[in-house]
Amino acid sequence: MALTNVARAAEAIAAYPTCKITYNRDSWVNLLVQPSEYSADEALLICQESLETWVAWVPNHGETRLSRDLFYV
């Protein structure tokens, strides 16, 4: 029986391990979107609030909550 494109893609993804980046507190990260016009484009992670959210400090803005999809290393 022939595999569908979806099944082939699923097999290809399963064949290669994915890289899961772990973030640590006191790490500087780059922001995809600045919280304000005058704020920096980087943030210092303070603590992890949930699996997908971090409390961070952004220069020229202050403390904020960041979703993991809003920053990168």
Protein backbone atom coordinates (compact mmCIF):
# COMPACT_ATOMS: atom_id res chain seq x y z
CA MET A 1 0.00 0.00 0.00
CA ALA A 2 1.39 3.39 -0.98
CA LEU A 3 2.12 5.97 1.71
CA THR A 4 0.44 9.33 1.52
CA ASN A 5 2.47 12.54 1.63
CA VAL A 6 1.37 13.10 5.22
CA ALA A 7 2.55 9.64 6.26
CA ARG A 8 5.90 10.18 4.51
CA ALA A 9 6.36 13.51 6.27
CA ALA A 10 5.52 11.94 9.63
CA GLU A 11 8.07 9.18 9.04
CA ALA A 12 10.73 11.72 8.04
CA ILE A 13 10.12 13.80 11.17
CA ALA A 14 10.20 10.71 13.40
CA ALA A 15 13.47 9.55 11.83
CA TYR A 16 15.38 12.66 12.92
CA PRO A 17 15.52 13.91 16.50
CA THR A 18 14.32 17.44 17.00
CA CYS A 19 16.38 20.05 18.76
CA LYS A 20 14.63 21.34 21.86
CA ILE A 21 16.22 24.51 23.12
CA THR A 22 16.14 24.89 26.86
CA TYR A 23 16.34 28.37 28.30
CA ASN A 24 17.84 29.23 31.66
CA ARG A 25 17.20 32.12 34.00
CA ASP A 26 19.70 34.96 33.78
CA SER A 27 20.09 34.34 30.03
CA TRP A 28 19.91 37.11 27.47
CA VAL A 29 17.63 36.38 24.50
CA ASN A 30 16.76 38.25 21.31
CA LEU A 31 13.21 39.49 20.86
CA LEU A 32 11.26 38.97 17.65
CA VAL A 33 8.97 41.88 18.56
CA GLN A 34 9.94 44.80 20.81
CA PRO A 35 7.40 45.52 23.59
CA SER A 36 7.58 49.26 22.88
CA GLU A 37 9.02 51.62 20.31
CA TYR A 38 11.93 52.64 22.55
CA SER A 39 12.74 49.32 24.20
CA ALA A 40 15.74 47.15 23.46
CA ASP A 41 15.54 44.17 21.12
CA GLU A 42 16.82 41.78 23.80
CA ALA A 43 15.61 40.62 27.20
CA LEU A 44 17.01 39.05 30.35
CA LEU A 45 15.04 35.98 31.44
CA ILE A 46 14.19 36.20 35.15
CA CYS A 47 12.06 33.13 35.81
CA GLN A 48 9.88 30.63 34.00
CA GLU A 49 6.22 31.27 34.74
CA SER A 50 4.81 28.28 32.82
CA LEU A 51 5.94 25.85 30.11
CA GLU A 52 5.43 28.53 27.46
CA THR A 53 5.88 31.80 29.38
CA TRP A 54 8.85 33.58 30.97
CA VAL A 55 9.06 36.69 33.12
CA ALA A 56 11.79 38.87 31.62
CA TRP A 57 13.37 42.29 31.97
CA VAL A 58 13.69 44.40 28.82
CA PRO A 59 16.02 47.44 28.88
CA ASN A 60 14.15 50.74 28.46
CA HIS A 61 10.86 48.93 29.10
CA GLY A 62 10.97 47.00 32.37
CA GLU A 63 9.54 43.69 33.49
CA THR A 64 7.26 41.82 31.10
CA ARG A 65 5.95 38.36 30.34
CA LEU A 66 7.16 36.72 27.14
CA SER A 67 5.73 33.77 25.31
CA ARG A 68 8.45 31.38 24.06
CA ASP A 69 7.51 32.10 20.46
CA LEU A 70 8.52 35.78 20.93
CA PHE A 71 12.24 35.24 21.59
CA TYR A 72 15.25 33.19 20.51
CA VAL A 73 18.87 32.67 21.47
